[in-house]
N, C-alpha and C. Protein backbone atom coordinates (compact mmCIF):
# COMPACT_ATOMS: atom_id res chain seq x y z
N UNK A 1 109.45 110.71 56.60
CA UNK A 1 110.76 110.43 56.87
C UNK A 1 111.20 112.37 57.42
N UNK A 2 112.21 112.15 58.80
CA UNK A 2 112.26 113.64 59.29
C UNK A 2 114.09 112.58 59.31
N UNK A 3 115.49 113.67 59.00
CA UNK A 3 117.05 113.47 58.80
C UNK A 3 118.19 114.07 60.26
N UNK A 4 116.49 114.91 60.42
CA UNK A 4 117.10 115.19 61.46
C UNK A 4 115.42 115.44 62.90
N UNK A 5 115.99 116.56 64.37
CA UNK A 5 115.39 116.74 64.70
C UNK A 5 115.50 118.03 65.44
N UNK A 6 114.43 118.43 66.53
CA UNK A 6 114.39 119.96 66.94
C UNK A 6 115.84 119.83 67.49
N UNK A 7 116.44 119.56 68.16
CA UNK A 7 117.05 119.19 68.98
C UNK A 7 119.17 119.49 68.59
N UNK A 8 118.20 118.90 66.75
CA UNK A 8 119.86 119.57 66.12
C UNK A 8 120.10 120.38 65.43
N UNK A 9 118.13 121.40 65.25
CA UNK A 9 117.61 122.61 65.19
C UNK A 9 118.12 123.65 66.87
N UNK A 10 118.18 123.19 67.58
CA UNK A 10 118.83 124.12 68.28
C UNK A 10 119.88 124.78 68.67
N UNK A 11 120.84 123.24 68.49
CA UNK A 11 121.86 123.58 68.58
C UNK A 11 122.82 123.78 66.83
N UNK A 12 122.31 124.19 66.39
CA UNK A 12 122.46 124.70 65.09
C UNK A 12 122.35 126.40 65.50
N UNK A 13 120.90 126.30 66.35
CA UNK A 13 120.77 128.31 66.53
C UNK A 13 121.66 128.52 67.94
N UNK A 14 121.72 127.61 69.03
CA UNK A 14 122.67 127.77 70.04
C UNK A 14 122.04 128.52 70.67
N UNK A 15 121.06 127.53 70.59
CA UNK A 15 120.05 127.97 72.03
C UNK A 15 118.40 127.81 71.04
N UNK A 16 117.75 127.58 73.05
CA UNK A 16 116.44 126.81 72.34
C UNK A 16 114.83 127.00 71.50
N UNK A 17 114.41 126.64 70.90
CA UNK A 17 113.19 126.54 70.14
C UNK A 17 112.58 128.16 70.96
N UNK A 18 111.62 129.04 70.33
CA UNK A 18 111.04 129.84 70.26
C UNK A 18 109.37 128.60 70.41
N UNK A 19 108.21 129.54 71.76
CA UNK A 19 106.96 129.49 71.27
C UNK A 19 106.55 128.51 69.61
N UNK A 20 106.99 130.06 69.52
CA UNK A 20 106.21 130.32 67.95
C UNK A 20 106.72 129.05 66.92
N UNK A 21 108.90 128.92 66.99
CA UNK A 21 108.97 128.49 66.20
C UNK A 21 109.39 127.02 66.33
N UNK A 22 108.61 126.91 67.80
CA UNK A 22 108.42 125.43 68.54
C UNK A 22 106.99 124.68 66.81
N UNK A 23 106.06 125.48 67.27
CA UNK A 23 105.20 125.09 66.40
C UNK A 23 105.16 125.25 64.77
N UNK A 24 106.81 125.46 64.99
CA UNK A 24 106.52 125.69 62.92
C UNK A 24 107.79 124.46 62.77
N UNK A 25 108.94 124.22 63.45
CA UNK A 25 110.08 123.18 63.17
C UNK A 25 109.67 121.48 62.79
N UNK A 26 108.62 121.07 63.55
CA UNK A 26 108.43 119.29 62.77
C UNK A 26 108.00 119.98 61.27
N UNK A 27 107.34 121.01 60.78
CA UNK A 27 106.39 120.79 58.93
C UNK A 27 108.42 121.34 58.37
N UNK A 28 108.77 122.40 58.65
CA UNK A 28 110.28 122.88 57.82
C UNK A 28 111.50 121.35 58.04
N UNK A 29 111.59 120.97 59.01
CA UNK A 29 111.92 119.36 59.59
C UNK A 29 111.84 118.66 58.28
N UNK A 30 110.60 118.64 57.72
CA UNK A 30 110.28 117.92 57.41
C UNK A 30 110.04 117.59 55.76
N UNK A 31 110.56 119.34 55.49
CA UNK A 31 109.91 120.15 54.43
C UNK A 31 111.63 119.12 53.48
N UNK A 32 112.95 120.12 54.73
CA UNK A 32 114.35 120.34 55.12
C UNK A 32 114.46 118.86 54.25
N UNK A 33 113.54 117.68 54.88
CA UNK A 33 114.45 116.65 54.69
C UNK A 33 114.34 115.61 53.71
N UNK A 34 112.92 116.23 52.73
CA UNK A 34 112.78 115.86 51.34
C UNK A 34 113.05 116.25 50.25
N UNK A 35 113.11 117.62 50.47
CA UNK A 35 114.12 118.57 49.66
C UNK A 35 115.61 117.69 49.30
N UNK A 36 116.38 117.67 50.78
CA UNK A 36 117.74 117.11 50.51
C UNK A 36 117.35 115.72 50.00
N UNK A 37 116.39 115.31 50.50
CA UNK A 37 117.04 113.15 49.93
C UNK A 37 116.23 113.01 48.19
N UNK A 38 115.69 114.32 48.19
CA UNK A 38 115.19 114.28 46.64
C UNK A 38 116.83 114.84 46.05
N UNK A 39 117.48 115.72 46.34
CA UNK A 39 117.96 116.23 45.65
C UNK A 39 119.93 115.24 45.15
N UNK A 40 119.83 114.28 46.70
CA UNK A 40 120.55 113.57 47.06
C UNK A 40 120.11 112.18 46.34
N UNK A 41 118.95 111.92 46.39
CA UNK A 41 118.93 110.01 44.88
C UNK A 41 118.62 109.38 46.67
N UNK A 42 118.68 109.53 47.98
CA UNK A 42 118.88 108.87 48.47
C UNK A 42 117.25 108.60 49.53
N UNK A 43 117.16 107.86 50.30
CA UNK A 43 115.95 107.83 51.24
C UNK A 43 116.95 108.27 52.42
N UNK A 44 117.98 107.76 53.01
CA UNK A 44 119.33 107.69 54.08
C UNK A 44 118.67 106.47 55.63
N UNK A 45 117.36 107.19 55.57
CA UNK A 45 116.77 105.99 56.08
C UNK A 45 116.10 104.57 56.54
N UNK A 46 116.19 103.94 57.23
CA UNK A 46 115.97 102.11 56.88
C UNK A 46 114.69 101.86 55.72
N UNK A 47 114.54 102.02 54.70
CA UNK A 47 113.54 101.06 54.18
C UNK A 47 113.63 99.76 53.18
N UNK A 48 113.22 99.58 52.66
CA UNK A 48 112.74 98.19 51.63
C UNK A 48 112.20 98.53 50.04
N UNK A 49 112.63 98.10 49.38
CA UNK A 49 112.53 98.50 47.75
C UNK A 49 111.78 96.99 47.34
N UNK A 50 110.72 97.17 46.49
CA UNK A 50 110.31 96.32 46.07
C UNK A 50 110.55 95.69 44.80
N UNK A 51 110.84 94.60 44.30
CA UNK A 51 110.05 94.98 42.81
C UNK A 51 110.61 96.09 41.63
N UNK A 52 112.03 96.55 42.43
CA UNK A 52 112.99 97.66 41.48
C UNK A 52 113.18 97.06 40.08
N UNK A 53 112.89 97.63 38.52
CA UNK A 53 113.22 97.82 37.53
C UNK A 53 114.70 98.60 37.80
N UNK A 54 115.40 97.79 37.72
CA UNK A 54 116.43 98.06 36.50
C UNK A 54 117.64 97.60 35.47
N UNK A 55 118.36 98.30 35.34
CA UNK A 55 119.38 97.21 33.36
C UNK A 55 120.29 96.58 34.47
N UNK A 56 120.22 95.61 33.55
CA UNK A 56 121.76 94.71 33.60
C UNK A 56 123.01 95.49 32.63
N UNK A 57 123.12 95.43 33.63
CA UNK A 57 125.40 95.93 32.74
C UNK A 57 125.74 94.86 31.92
N UNK A 58 126.82 95.55 31.98
CA UNK A 58 127.90 94.00 30.87
C UNK A 58 128.37 93.10 32.26
N UNK A 59 128.05 91.75 31.95
CA UNK A 59 128.85 91.33 32.92
C UNK A 59 127.48 90.88 34.36
N UNK A 60 126.42 91.11 33.69
CA UNK A 60 124.94 91.09 34.78
C UNK A 60 125.27 91.95 35.70
N UNK A 61 126.04 92.94 35.87
CA UNK A 61 126.55 93.16 37.49
C UNK A 61 124.50 94.51 36.77
N UNK A 62 124.01 94.56 37.78
CA UNK A 62 122.89 95.01 38.25
C UNK A 62 123.00 96.01 39.79
N UNK A 63 123.21 97.43 39.41
CA UNK A 63 123.55 97.91 40.95
C UNK A 63 122.40 98.82 41.20
N UNK A 64 122.67 98.82 42.70
CA UNK A 64 121.20 99.10 43.14
C UNK A 64 121.57 100.86 43.87
N UNK A 65 120.28 101.41 43.57
CA UNK A 65 119.89 103.08 44.11
C UNK A 65 120.96 103.07 45.09
N UNK A 66 119.37 102.68 46.25
CA UNK A 66 119.71 103.37 47.91
C UNK A 66 120.94 102.08 47.95
N UNK A 67 121.42 103.26 49.67
CA UNK A 67 122.59 102.53 50.29
C UNK A 67 122.97 102.74 50.93
N UNK A 68 123.02 102.58 52.39
CA UNK A 68 123.60 100.68 52.12
C UNK A 68 122.78 99.72 51.63
N UNK A 69 122.94 98.93 50.83
CA UNK A 69 122.53 97.52 50.47
C UNK A 69 122.50 97.24 52.45
N UNK A 70 121.60 96.16 52.93
CA UNK A 70 121.28 95.90 54.15
C UNK A 70 121.17 94.08 53.53
N UNK A 71 120.13 94.27 52.98
CA UNK A 71 120.14 92.52 51.87
C UNK A 71 119.23 92.31 50.49
N UNK A 72 119.35 92.29 49.91
CA UNK A 72 118.34 91.64 48.62
C UNK A 72 117.94 90.58 48.60
N UNK A 73 116.25 90.17 48.94
CA UNK A 73 115.37 89.21 49.22
C UNK A 73 114.83 88.98 47.84
N UNK A 74 115.09 89.08 46.87
CA UNK A 74 114.79 88.49 45.63
C UNK A 74 115.64 89.11 44.27
N UNK A 75 115.12 88.94 43.02
CA UNK A 75 115.53 88.88 41.80
C UNK A 75 114.86 88.15 40.81
N UNK A 76 114.16 88.44 39.97
CA UNK A 76 113.67 88.01 38.97
C UNK A 76 114.23 88.47 38.11
N UNK A 77 113.15 88.02 36.80
CA UNK A 77 113.24 88.94 35.30
C UNK A 77 111.48 89.01 34.95
N UNK A 78 111.79 89.37 33.95
CA UNK A 78 110.83 90.69 34.22
C UNK A 78 109.11 89.62 33.28
N UNK A 79 109.59 88.36 34.12
CA UNK A 79 108.32 87.50 33.75
C UNK A 79 108.08 86.42 35.02
N UNK A 80 109.05 87.14 36.26
CA UNK A 80 108.42 86.83 37.69
C UNK A 80 109.80 85.68 37.84
N UNK A 81 110.51 84.91 37.40
CA UNK A 81 111.10 83.80 37.53
C UNK A 81 112.37 83.90 38.16
N UNK A 82 112.52 83.85 38.80
CA UNK A 82 113.85 83.91 39.78
C UNK A 82 115.15 83.67 38.96
N UNK A 83 115.66 84.37 39.94
CA UNK A 83 117.28 83.84 39.17
C UNK A 83 118.20 84.31 40.17
N UNK A 84 118.80 83.51 39.81
CA UNK A 84 120.56 83.12 40.71
C UNK A 84 121.74 84.34 40.46
N UNK A 85 121.73 85.36 41.87
CA UNK A 85 122.72 86.30 41.67
C UNK A 85 123.48 86.07 43.07
N UNK A 86 124.18 86.88 42.87
CA UNK A 86 125.38 87.13 44.11
C UNK A 86 125.86 88.69 44.60
N UNK A 87 125.40 89.09 46.08
CA UNK A 87 125.44 90.41 46.25
C UNK A 87 127.55 91.11 47.00
N UNK A 88 127.45 92.02 46.18
CA UNK A 88 128.75 92.98 46.31
C UNK A 88 128.41 94.02 46.94
N UNK A 89 128.18 95.04 47.88
CA UNK A 89 128.00 96.29 48.59
C UNK A 89 125.88 96.34 47.78
N UNK A 90 127.21 97.35 46.92
CA UNK A 90 125.85 98.11 45.86
C UNK A 90 125.35 97.75 44.95
N UNK A 91 126.11 96.54 43.78
CA UNK A 91 126.18 95.97 43.31
C UNK A 91 125.48 94.02 43.34
N UNK A 92 124.21 93.79 42.49
CA UNK A 92 124.14 92.92 42.47
C UNK A 92 124.30 91.61 40.62
N UNK A 93 125.09 90.53 40.67
CA UNK A 93 125.26 90.17 39.97
C UNK A 93 123.97 89.02 39.15
N UNK A 94 123.85 89.08 38.08
CA UNK A 94 122.50 88.15 37.46
C UNK A 94 124.11 86.42 37.64
N UNK A 95 124.53 85.76 37.75
CA UNK A 95 124.85 85.30 37.51
C UNK A 95 124.71 83.82 35.93
N UNK A 96 123.77 83.95 35.67
CA UNK A 96 123.49 83.74 34.47
C UNK A 96 122.18 84.21 33.52
N UNK A 97 123.08 85.11 33.10
CA UNK A 97 122.09 86.60 33.06
C UNK A 97 121.35 87.01 31.04
N UNK A 98 121.90 85.47 29.93
CA UNK A 98 121.19 85.39 28.70
C UNK A 98 120.78 86.72 28.41
N UNK A 99 120.45 87.12 27.62
CA UNK A 99 119.54 88.14 26.96
C UNK A 99 119.01 88.98 28.19
N UNK A 100 118.79 89.51 29.08
CA UNK A 100 118.81 89.80 30.66
C UNK A 100 118.92 91.34 29.93
N UNK A 101 117.32 92.31 29.96
CA UNK A 101 118.12 93.46 29.90
C UNK A 101 117.30 94.90 30.52
N UNK A 102 116.73 93.53 31.98
CA UNK A 102 116.25 94.41 33.35
C UNK A 102 115.60 93.03 33.78
N UNK A 103 115.84 93.88 34.98
CA UNK A 103 115.76 92.49 36.38
C UNK A 103 114.79 93.48 37.33
N UNK A 104 113.51 92.23 38.68
CA UNK A 104 112.89 93.28 38.95
C UNK A 104 114.10 93.09 40.54
N UNK A 105 114.38 93.85 41.45
CA UNK A 105 115.13 93.60 42.60
C UNK A 105 114.13 94.05 43.84
N UNK A 106 114.48 92.53 44.35
CA UNK A 106 113.45 93.70 46.17
C UNK A 106 115.38 93.62 47.04
N UNK A 107 114.53 95.05 47.82
CA UNK A 107 116.34 94.50 49.09
C UNK A 107 115.72 95.54 49.74
N UNK A 108 117.13 95.28 50.95
CA UNK A 108 116.72 97.02 52.28
C UNK A 108 117.47 97.15 51.90
N UNK A 109 117.66 98.02 53.03
CA UNK A 109 118.56 99.33 52.25
C UNK A 109 118.00 100.76 53.59
N UNK A 110 119.25 101.08 53.83
CA UNK A 110 119.83 102.48 54.78
C UNK A 110 119.47 102.27 55.65
N UNK A 111 119.83 103.40 56.73
CA UNK A 111 120.57 103.25 58.14
C UNK A 111 120.90 104.21 58.85
N UNK A 112 121.56 104.39 59.62
CA UNK A 112 121.32 105.50 60.59
C UNK A 112 121.82 106.19 59.69
N UNK A 113 121.39 107.95 59.76
CA UNK A 113 121.34 109.34 58.43
C UNK A 113 122.74 109.75 59.06
N UNK A 114 123.59 109.56 58.82
CA UNK A 114 124.54 110.09 58.65
C UNK A 114 124.34 111.85 59.17
N UNK A 115 125.83 111.71 60.21
CA UNK A 115 125.73 113.61 61.33
C UNK A 115 125.70 114.63 59.76
N UNK A 116 126.46 114.63 58.17
CA UNK A 116 126.31 114.97 56.94
C UNK A 116 125.45 116.17 56.80
N UNK A 117 124.00 114.52 57.07
CA UNK A 117 123.03 115.13 56.65
C UNK A 117 122.23 115.56 57.21
N UNK A 118 122.12 115.55 58.30
CA UNK A 118 121.64 115.09 59.58
C UNK A 118 122.02 116.93 59.57
N UNK A 119 123.04 117.43 59.82
CA UNK A 119 123.66 118.65 60.07
C UNK A 119 123.54 119.17 59.44
N UNK A 120 123.93 119.14 57.61
CA UNK A 120 123.03 120.15 56.82
C UNK A 120 121.51 120.04 56.91
N UNK A 121 120.72 119.50 57.19
CA UNK A 121 118.88 119.28 57.27
C UNK A 121 119.40 120.39 58.43
N UNK A 122 119.92 120.56 59.07
CA UNK A 122 119.51 121.31 60.57
C UNK A 122 119.66 123.17 60.21
N UNK A 123 120.95 123.72 59.09
CA UNK A 123 121.97 124.41 59.61
C UNK A 123 120.02 125.04 57.99
N UNK A 124 119.69 123.82 57.32
CA UNK A 124 118.73 125.14 56.79
C UNK A 124 117.64 124.91 56.99
N UNK A 125 116.91 124.38 57.90
CA UNK A 125 115.99 124.89 58.80
C UNK A 125 115.86 125.74 59.97
N UNK A 126 117.86 126.10 60.95
CA UNK A 126 117.67 126.78 61.75
C UNK A 126 117.51 128.03 60.14
N UNK A 127 118.21 128.13 59.44
CA UNK A 127 117.97 129.46 58.04
C UNK A 127 116.88 129.83 57.98
N UNK A 128 115.70 129.08 57.64
CA UNK A 128 114.67 129.14 57.67
C UNK A 128 114.47 130.25 59.17
N UNK A 129 114.26 129.54 59.53
CA UNK A 129 114.00 130.51 60.81
C UNK A 129 114.53 131.78 60.72
N UNK A 130 116.01 131.45 60.83
CA UNK A 130 116.61 133.69 60.76
C UNK A 130 115.68 134.19 59.91
N UNK A 131 115.14 133.08 59.26
CA UNK A 131 114.82 134.90 57.51
C UNK A 131 113.87 136.09 58.33
N UNK A 132 114.96 137.24 58.13
CA UNK A 132 113.39 138.67 58.40
C UNK A 132 112.88 138.51 57.75
N UNK A 133 112.11 139.16 58.92
CA UNK A 133 110.78 139.44 58.52
C UNK A 133 110.41 140.14 56.86
N UNK A 134 111.02 140.77 56.77
CA UNK A 134 111.24 141.93 56.00
C UNK A 134 111.37 140.98 53.90
N UNK A 135 112.89 139.73 54.15
CA UNK A 135 112.45 138.73 53.42
C UNK A 135 111.14 137.58 53.86
N UNK A 136 110.39 137.78 54.44
CA UNK A 136 109.25 136.32 54.39
C UNK A 136 108.37 137.48 54.13
N UNK A 137 108.14 138.81 54.46
CA UNK A 137 106.86 139.46 53.46
C UNK A 137 107.38 139.49 52.12
N UNK A 138 108.96 139.27 51.57
CA UNK A 138 108.58 138.93 49.87
C UNK A 138 109.86 140.02 49.36
N UNK A 139 109.93 140.92 50.14
CA UNK A 139 111.16 142.47 50.28
C UNK A 139 112.63 141.80 49.77
N UNK A 140 112.93 141.85 48.67
CA UNK A 140 113.67 141.46 48.26
C UNK A 140 116.03 142.42 48.99
N UNK A 141 115.35 144.12 49.53
CA UNK A 141 115.65 144.43 50.25
C UNK A 141 115.41 145.47 51.32
N UNK A 142 116.18 145.70 52.25
CA UNK A 142 114.97 146.54 52.55
C UNK A 142 116.35 147.93 53.19
N UNK A 143 116.09 148.78 53.65
CA UNK A 143 116.66 150.07 54.66
C UNK A 143 116.07 150.92 55.30
N UNK A 144 116.80 151.13 56.17
CA UNK A 144 116.41 152.21 56.94
C UNK A 144 117.10 153.70 57.62
N UNK A 145 116.41 154.87 57.93
CA UNK A 145 117.46 155.84 57.66
C UNK A 145 116.62 156.10 59.31
N UNK A 146 118.39 156.41 59.72
CA UNK A 146 118.04 156.78 61.84
C UNK A 146 118.46 158.56 61.75
N UNK A 147 118.30 158.86 62.13
CA UNK A 147 118.98 160.24 61.74
C UNK A 147 119.93 160.55 60.19
N UNK A 148 121.48 160.77 60.78
CA UNK A 148 122.27 160.37 60.05
C UNK A 148 123.10 158.83 59.94
N UNK A 149 122.45 158.55 60.27
CA UNK A 149 123.31 156.72 60.01
C UNK A 149 121.14 155.93 59.28
N UNK A 150 121.96 154.87 57.80
CA UNK A 150 121.58 154.52 57.41
C UNK A 150 122.13 153.19 57.27
N UNK A 151 120.99 152.04 56.97
CA UNK A 151 121.06 150.74 57.04
C UNK A 151 121.73 150.24 55.89
N UNK A 152 121.76 149.64 54.73
CA UNK A 152 120.81 148.91 54.01
C UNK A 152 121.29 147.16 53.75
N UNK A 153 119.90 146.54 53.68
CA UNK A 153 119.98 145.69 53.34
C UNK A 153 119.12 144.30 52.28
N UNK A 154 120.28 143.54 51.15
CA UNK A 154 120.26 143.00 49.99
C UNK A 154 119.53 141.23 50.64
N UNK A 155 118.27 140.55 50.80
CA UNK A 155 118.33 139.47 51.09
C UNK A 155 118.69 138.59 49.72
N UNK A 156 118.77 137.14 50.20
CA UNK A 156 119.23 136.27 48.87
C UNK A 156 117.95 135.27 48.43
N UNK A 157 118.83 135.50 47.40
CA UNK A 157 117.18 134.49 46.87
C UNK A 157 116.60 133.99 48.06
N UNK A 158 116.95 132.86 48.23
CA UNK A 158 116.50 132.06 48.54
C UNK A 158 115.21 132.07 49.72
N UNK A 159 116.32 133.36 50.73
CA UNK A 159 115.58 134.02 51.91
C UNK A 159 114.32 134.73 51.80
N UNK A 160 113.88 134.66 49.89
CA UNK A 160 112.76 135.88 50.13
C UNK A 160 111.52 134.85 50.10
N UNK A 161 110.35 135.58 50.20
CA UNK A 161 108.51 134.89 50.95
C UNK A 161 109.72 133.46 52.21
N UNK A 162 110.48 133.24 52.78
CA UNK A 162 110.88 132.56 53.92
C UNK A 162 110.47 130.95 53.63
N UNK A 163 110.15 130.82 52.45
CA UNK A 163 109.81 129.40 52.74
C UNK A 163 111.19 128.69 52.71
N UNK A 164 111.59 127.03 52.84
CA UNK A 164 112.69 126.74 52.76
C UNK A 164 113.37 126.28 51.94
N UNK A 165 113.95 126.42 51.11
CA UNK A 165 114.54 125.90 50.30
C UNK A 165 116.30 125.82 50.21
N UNK A 166 117.31 124.76 50.01
CA UNK A 166 118.48 125.14 50.13
C UNK A 166 119.19 125.97 49.34
N UNK A 167 120.55 125.84 50.01
CA UNK A 167 121.09 127.14 49.54
C UNK A 167 121.88 125.75 48.23
N UNK A 168 122.62 126.20 47.47
CA UNK A 168 123.62 126.31 46.30
C UNK A 168 124.10 125.31 47.27
N UNK A 169 124.61 125.16 48.79
CA UNK A 169 126.05 125.12 49.51
C UNK A 169 125.14 123.41 49.44
N UNK A 170 124.37 123.68 49.99
CA UNK A 170 123.21 122.52 50.43
C UNK A 170 123.29 121.12 50.00
N UNK A 171 122.63 122.04 48.24
CA UNK A 171 122.70 121.25 47.17
C UNK A 171 123.58 120.37 46.55
N UNK A 172 125.36 121.08 46.68
CA UNK A 172 125.77 120.51 46.58
C UNK A 172 126.76 119.45 47.45
N UNK A 173 126.26 119.28 49.19
CA UNK A 173 125.72 118.34 50.05
C UNK A 173 125.10 117.49 49.67
N UNK A 174 123.40 117.04 49.42
CA UNK A 174 122.82 116.54 49.17
C UNK A 174 123.84 115.23 47.62
N UNK A 175 123.97 116.18 46.53
CA UNK A 175 124.55 115.61 45.45
C UNK A 175 125.92 114.96 45.60
N UNK A 176 126.80 115.48 46.69
CA UNK A 176 127.90 114.41 47.45
C UNK A 176 127.51 112.57 47.37
N UNK A 177 126.44 112.63 47.62
CA UNK A 177 125.27 111.57 48.19
C UNK A 177 125.27 111.04 47.26
N UNK A 178 124.53 111.37 46.13
CA UNK A 178 124.69 110.77 44.88
C UNK A 178 125.07 109.06 44.33
N UNK A 179 123.82 108.50 44.15
CA UNK A 179 124.70 107.29 43.83
C UNK A 179 125.97 107.38 42.08
N UNK A 180 126.91 106.87 42.58
CA UNK A 180 127.55 107.33 41.62
C UNK A 180 127.43 106.26 40.11
N UNK A 181 127.35 105.06 40.51
CA UNK A 181 126.48 104.50 39.81
C UNK A 181 125.05 104.77 38.82
N UNK A 182 124.98 105.61 39.05
CA UNK A 182 123.59 106.10 38.39
C UNK A 182 123.06 105.33 38.45
N UNK A 183 122.15 104.18 38.52
CA UNK A 183 121.34 103.51 37.93
C UNK A 183 120.41 102.92 38.00
N UNK A 184 120.19 102.81 36.06
CA UNK A 184 118.62 103.71 35.18
C UNK A 184 118.01 102.46 35.94
N UNK A 185 117.05 103.28 36.36
CA UNK A 185 115.67 101.93 36.67
C UNK A 185 114.79 102.70 35.64
N UNK A 186 113.37 101.47 35.73
CA UNK A 186 112.79 102.23 34.84
C UNK A 186 111.22 102.14 35.18
N UNK A 187 110.38 102.95 34.84
CA UNK A 187 109.22 102.70 35.95
C UNK A 187 107.92 102.60 35.40
N UNK A 188 108.10 102.45 34.16
CA UNK A 188 107.21 101.98 33.50
C UNK A 188 107.56 100.31 33.09
N UNK A 189 106.45 99.72 32.97
CA UNK A 189 106.68 97.90 32.62
C UNK A 189 106.17 97.89 31.22
């Protein structure tokens, strides 16, 4: 699942990728996309969720975690019995909730990757490609003196080691895409 591509990274860098960067960029995009999606709690790309076990809220309402919802294909109780339901945006309402606590929902979701997501992932990759060699080597600080001139550099914690990491600002952007309903999902049956 790539939430950006090499052209997006080139746009952020303002130049074409070098041959060394071209050999690394797909891996970096993949890792940055995965980190961003995990932090956001969203897949962003079209997909299908089958049999998600979700908690029934007051009034028989069930909130679907992935958005946007394209279609709901099935809602069953835990015994596999079909339930009557209506869909409104991210919410499915089971019309006869009775004593239901959990339901299993299958639905399709996702669409075009939002520009802010694409741009942020491309920035994460570009920032990783720009990390100085000293920081990639694990140094937290570097200095150089030439004649009467000296320069000092301190590297951000996310830059040390040169691995793909989300900055605090990237995390804030990712979290802005989280599902506001915080649907309760149970992985166990």
